[in-house]
C-alpha atoms as a PDB file:
ATOM      1  CA  MET A   1      -7.415 -21.079 -10.389  1.00  0.00           C
ATOM      2  CA  ARG A   2      -6.541 -21.762 -13.983  1.00  0.00           C
ATOM      3  CA  GLY A   3      -6.360 -25.445 -14.718  1.00  0.00           C
ATOM      4  CA  ASP A   4      -4.534 -27.298 -11.957  1.00  0.00           C
ATOM      5  CA  LYS A   5      -2.167 -24.462 -11.072  1.00  0.00           C
ATOM      6  CA  ALA A   6      -2.967 -21.664  -8.680  1.00  0.00           C
ATOM      7  CA  LYS A   7      -2.051 -18.172  -9.780  1.00  0.00           C
ATOM      8  CA  SER A   8       0.937 -16.925  -7.802  1.00  0.00           C
ATOM      9  CA  GLY A   9       1.075 -13.322  -6.729  1.00  0.00           C
ATOM     10  CA  PHE A  10       3.649 -10.779  -5.672  1.00  0.00           C
ATOM     11  CA  PHE A  11       3.462  -8.804  -2.455  1.00  0.00           C
ATOM     12  CA  LEU A  12       5.439  -6.010  -0.856  1.00  0.00           C
ATOM     13  CA  VAL A  13       6.172  -7.085   2.701  1.00  0.00           C
ATOM     14  CA  ARG A  14       8.079  -5.143   5.348  1.00  0.00           C
ATOM     15  CA  GLU A  15      11.359  -6.820   6.222  1.00  0.00           C
ATOM     16  CA  GLU A  16      10.741  -6.939   9.968  1.00  0.00           C
ATOM     17  CA  ILE A  17       7.923  -9.489   9.635  1.00  0.00           C
ATOM     18  CA  LEU A  18       9.906 -11.945   7.492  1.00  0.00           C
ATOM     19  CA  PRO A  19      11.209 -15.168   9.044  1.00  0.00           C
ATOM     20  CA  GLU A  20      14.956 -15.189   9.775  1.00  0.00           C
ATOM     21  CA  ALA A  21      15.688 -17.780   7.061  1.00  0.00           C
ATOM     22  CA  ILE A  22      14.270 -15.477   4.387  1.00  0.00           C
ATOM     23  CA  LYS A  23      16.133 -12.427   5.728  1.00  0.00           C
ATOM     24  CA  LYS A  24      19.372 -14.420   5.766  1.00  0.00           C
ATOM     25  CA  THR A  25      18.735 -15.688   2.226  1.00  0.00           C
ATOM     26  CA  ILE A  26      18.438 -12.096   1.005  1.00  0.00           C
ATOM     27  CA  LYS A  27      21.665 -11.179   2.805  1.00  0.00           C
ATOM     28  CA  VAL A  28      23.471 -14.186   1.295  1.00  0.00           C
ATOM     29  CA  LYS A  29      22.362 -13.095  -2.190  1.00  0.00           C
ATOM     30  CA  GLU A  30      23.616  -9.558  -1.486  1.00  0.00           C
ATOM     31  CA  MET A  31      26.968 -10.896  -0.188  1.00  0.00           C
ATOM     32  CA  LEU A  32      27.429 -12.939  -3.356  1.00  0.00           C
ATOM     33  CA  LYS A  33      26.478 -10.005  -5.576  1.00  0.00           C
ATOM     34  CA  ARG A  34      28.904  -7.623  -3.795  1.00  0.00           C
ATOM     35  CA  GLY A  35      31.704 -10.184  -3.753  1.00  0.00           C
ATOM     36  CA  ASP A  36      31.824 -10.345   0.060  1.00  0.00           C
ATOM     37  CA  ALA A  37      31.743 -14.128  -0.318  1.00  0.00           C
ATOM     38  CA  ARG A  38      33.149 -16.139  -3.217  1.00  0.00           C
ATOM     39  CA  THR A  39      30.916 -19.180  -2.917  1.00  0.00           C
ATOM     40  CA  ILE A  40      27.437 -20.025  -1.710  1.00  0.00           C
ATOM     41  CA  ASN A  41      28.974 -22.274   0.942  1.00  0.00           C
ATOM     42  CA  GLU A  42      31.080 -19.400   2.277  1.00  0.00           C
ATOM     43  CA  ALA A  43      28.130 -16.990   2.310  1.00  0.00           C
ATOM     44  CA  VAL A  44      25.657 -19.314   4.034  1.00  0.00           C
ATOM     45  CA  GLU A  45      28.285 -20.215   6.606  1.00  0.00           C
ATOM     46  CA  LYS A  46      28.908 -16.518   7.377  1.00  0.00           C
ATOM     47  CA  MET A  47      25.151 -15.978   7.774  1.00  0.00           C
ATOM     48  CA  ASP A  48      24.631 -19.194   9.791  1.00  0.00           C
ATOM     49  CA  LEU A  49      22.065 -20.398   7.252  1.00  0.00           C
ATOM     50  CA  SER A  50      21.667 -23.936   5.952  1.00  0.00           C
ATOM     51  CA  ARG A  51      22.292 -24.515   2.253  1.00  0.00           C
ATOM     52  CA  SER A  52      18.891 -26.192   1.945  1.00  0.00           C
ATOM     53  CA  ALA A  53      17.115 -23.080   3.309  1.00  0.00           C
ATOM     54  CA  TYR A  54      19.081 -20.877   0.906  1.00  0.00           C
ATOM     55  CA  TYR A  55      18.130 -23.036  -2.099  1.00  0.00           C
ATOM     56  CA  LYS A  56      14.520 -23.221  -0.903  1.00  0.00           C
ATOM     57  CA  TYR A  57      14.072 -19.414  -0.912  1.00  0.00           C
ATOM     58  CA  LYS A  58      16.704 -17.964  -3.274  1.00  0.00           C
ATOM     59  CA  ASP A  59      14.500 -17.866  -6.377  1.00  0.00           C
ATOM     60  CA  PHE A  60      11.521 -16.387  -4.539  1.00  0.00           C
ATOM     61  CA  VAL A  61      12.916 -13.443  -2.565  1.00  0.00           C
ATOM     62  CA  PHE A  62      14.643 -10.344  -3.810  1.00  0.00           C
ATOM     63  CA  PRO A  63      14.998  -6.712  -2.761  1.00  0.00           C
ATOM     64  CA  PHE A  64      12.411  -4.254  -4.006  1.00  0.00           C
ATOM     65  CA  TYR A  65      14.909  -2.443  -6.226  1.00  0.00           C
ATOM     66  CA  GLU A  66      15.624  -5.671  -8.160  1.00  0.00           C
ATOM     67  CA  ALA A  67      11.918  -6.214  -8.753  1.00  0.00           C
ATOM     68  CA  SER A  68      11.568  -2.703 -10.079  1.00  0.00           C
ATOM     69  CA  GLN A  69      14.494  -2.648 -12.515  1.00  0.00           C
ATOM     70  CA  ASP A  70      13.490  -1.903 -16.107  1.00  0.00           C
ATOM     71  CA  LYS A  71      10.010  -0.922 -14.981  1.00  0.00           C
ATOM     72  CA  ILE A  72       7.828   2.139 -14.811  1.00  0.00           C
ATOM     73  CA  ILE A  73       7.332   3.253 -11.223  1.00  0.00           C
ATOM     74  CA  THR A  74       4.608   5.692 -10.217  1.00  0.00           C
ATOM     75  CA  LEU A  75       5.365   7.825  -7.171  1.00  0.00           C
ATOM     76  CA  THR A  76       2.979  10.085  -5.306  1.00  0.00           C
ATOM     77  CA  PHE A  77       4.277  13.071  -3.361  1.00  0.00           C
ATOM     78  CA  LEU A  78       2.847  15.589  -0.963  1.00  0.00           C
ATOM     79  CA  LEU A  79       4.936  18.709  -1.584  1.00  0.00           C
ATOM     80  CA  GLU A  80       5.064  22.033   0.184  1.00  0.00           C
ATOM     81  CA  HIS A  81       3.744  24.780  -2.088  1.00  0.00           C
ATOM     82  CA  ARG A  82       6.986  26.740  -2.482  1.00  0.00           C
ATOM     83  CA  GLN A  83       9.030  27.745  -5.469  1.00  0.00           C
ATOM     84  CA  GLY A  84      11.573  25.118  -6.551  1.00  0.00           C
ATOM     85  CA  VAL A  85      10.311  22.069  -4.619  1.00  0.00           C
ATOM     86  CA  LEU A  86       9.008  20.188  -7.671  1.00  0.00           C
ATOM     87  CA  SER A  87      12.109  21.244  -9.597  1.00  0.00           C
ATOM     88  CA  SER A  88      14.328  19.771  -6.852  1.00  0.00           C
ATOM     89  CA  VAL A  89      12.378  16.501  -6.993  1.00  0.00           C
ATOM     90  CA  LEU A  90      12.781  16.304 -10.772  1.00  0.00           C
ATOM     91  CA  ASN A  91      16.490  17.172 -10.537  1.00  0.00           C
ATOM     92  CA  THR A  92      16.994  14.388  -7.981  1.00  0.00           C
ATOM     93  CA  ILE A  93      15.334  11.897 -10.338  1.00  0.00           C
ATOM     94  CA  SER A  94      17.489  13.173 -13.193  1.00  0.00           C
ATOM     95  CA  GLN A  95      20.701  12.865 -11.143  1.00  0.00           C
ATOM     96  CA  GLY A  96      19.895   9.169 -10.651  1.00  0.00           C
ATOM     97  CA  SER A  97      19.331   8.874 -14.431  1.00  0.00           C
ATOM     98  CA  GLY A  98      15.631   8.204 -13.991  1.00  0.00           C
ATOM     99  CA  SER A  99      13.519   9.164 -16.977  1.00  0.00           C
ATOM    100  CA  VAL A 100      10.375  11.134 -16.093  1.00  0.00           C
ATOM    101  CA  LEU A 101       7.441   9.950 -18.211  1.00  0.00           C
ATOM    102  CA  THR A 102       4.508  11.820 -16.651  1.00  0.00           C
ATOM    103  CA  ILE A 103       3.918  14.537 -14.076  1.00  0.00           C
ATOM    104  CA  ASN A 104       0.489  15.338 -12.659  1.00  0.00           C
ATOM    105  CA  GLN A 105       0.148  18.107 -10.089  1.00  0.00           C
ATOM    106  CA  GLY A 106      -2.992  19.077  -8.225  1.00  0.00           C
ATOM    107  CA  ILE A 107      -3.879  22.612  -7.232  1.00  0.00           C
ATOM    108  CA  PRO A 108      -2.147  23.519  -3.956  1.00  0.00           C
ATOM    109  CA  LEU A 109      -4.474  23.526  -0.965  1.00  0.00           C
ATOM    110  CA  GLN A 110      -3.487  24.681   2.520  1.00  0.00           C
ATOM    111  CA  GLY A 111       0.146  25.076   1.482  1.00  0.00           C
ATOM    112  CA  VAL A 112       0.658  21.604  -0.017  1.00  0.00           C
ATOM    113  CA  ALA A 113       0.144  19.977  -3.404  1.00  0.00           C
ATOM    114  CA  ASN A 114      -0.300  16.382  -4.465  1.00  0.00           C
ATOM    115  CA  VAL A 115       2.033  15.381  -7.298  1.00  0.00           C
ATOM    116  CA  THR A 116       2.209  12.072  -9.146  1.00  0.00           C
ATOM    117  CA  VAL A 117       5.340  11.271 -11.156  1.00  0.00           C
ATOM    118  CA  SER A 118       5.921   8.186 -13.308  1.00  0.00           C
ATOM    119  CA  ILE A 119       9.539   7.304 -13.996  1.00  0.00           C
ATOM    120  CA  GLU A 120      11.262   4.704 -16.108  1.00  0.00           C
ATOM    121  CA  THR A 121      13.920   2.861 -14.092  1.00  0.00           C
ATOM    122  CA  ALA A 122      15.821   1.131 -16.922  1.00  0.00           C
ATOM    123  CA  ASN A 123      18.775   3.559 -16.837  1.00  0.00           C
ATOM    124  CA  LEU A 124      18.986   4.239 -13.102  1.00  0.00           C
ATOM    125  CA  VAL A 125      22.595   4.490 -11.939  1.00  0.00           C
ATOM    126  CA  ILE A 126      21.575   3.982  -8.290  1.00  0.00           C
ATOM    127  CA  ASP A 127      19.267   1.504  -6.588  1.00  0.00           C
ATOM    128  CA  LEU A 128      15.626   2.527  -6.575  1.00  0.00           C
ATOM    129  CA  GLU A 129      15.610   2.370  -2.767  1.00  0.00           C
ATOM    130  CA  GLU A 130      18.497   4.850  -2.692  1.00  0.00           C
ATOM    131  CA  LEU A 131      16.667   7.154  -5.108  1.00  0.00           C
ATOM    132  CA  LEU A 132      13.537   7.004  -2.945  1.00  0.00           C
ATOM    133  CA  ASP A 133      15.616   7.874   0.140  1.00  0.00           C
ATOM    134  CA  LYS A 134      17.136  10.860  -1.686  1.00  0.00           C
ATOM    135  CA  LEU A 135      13.696  12.020  -2.807  1.00  0.00           C
ATOM    136  CA  ARG A 136      12.375  11.814   0.767  1.00  0.00           C
ATOM    137  CA  MET A 137      15.263  14.070   1.851  1.00  0.00           C
ATOM    138  CA  VAL A 138      14.445  16.829  -0.668  1.00  0.00           C
ATOM    139  CA  ASP A 139      13.511  19.987   1.231  1.00  0.00           C
ATOM    140  CA  GLY A 140       9.754  20.449   0.857  1.00  0.00           C
ATOM    141  CA  VAL A 141       8.825  16.784   0.386  1.00  0.00           C
ATOM    142  CA  LYS A 142       6.295  16.055   3.115  1.00  0.00           C
ATOM    143  CA  ARG A 143       5.422  12.513   1.991  1.00  0.00           C
ATOM    144  CA  LEU A 144       6.469  10.048  -0.710  1.00  0.00           C
ATOM    145  CA  GLU A 145       4.818   6.727  -1.544  1.00  0.00           C
ATOM    146  CA  VAL A 146       5.217   4.205  -4.318  1.00  0.00           C
ATOM    147  CA  LEU A 147       1.821   4.110  -5.961  1.00  0.00           C
ATOM    148  CA  GLY A 148       2.522   1.261  -8.359  1.00  0.00           C
ATOM    149  CA  GLN A 149       4.738  -0.249 -11.007  1.00  0.00           C
ATOM    150  CA  ALA A 150       4.222  -1.625 -14.472  1.00  0.00           C
END
């Protein structure tokens, strides 16, 4: 602890273990952002969430892609060792307007290679979660994990 205040941290937590009030708060925020509800009252009513619960959590929960906007994200891949797989990964990043900063590729062993790619997310035209889903669907991507962000 520094002084009288404890240092607060950030954690990635899978949605299925969150309490319902937090899940509903996230959905209310998404409804408001998309315009599916015009007011907070309308959104919380649609989600059957109390206004007090919404105000309690709203400034402390947000989707992963919001936390990673304007950041550098480091991804680690396990790619099949075939011609064009890495190129397809890089093209997918480029199509989402991600800016590749670094690429590190290990020597292929037993038909697969480890690749680490750092991308800048400031100009992404799609949500980071959507980009990650598209990258997972690239033919030859065996595994994709978010290694870190800065």
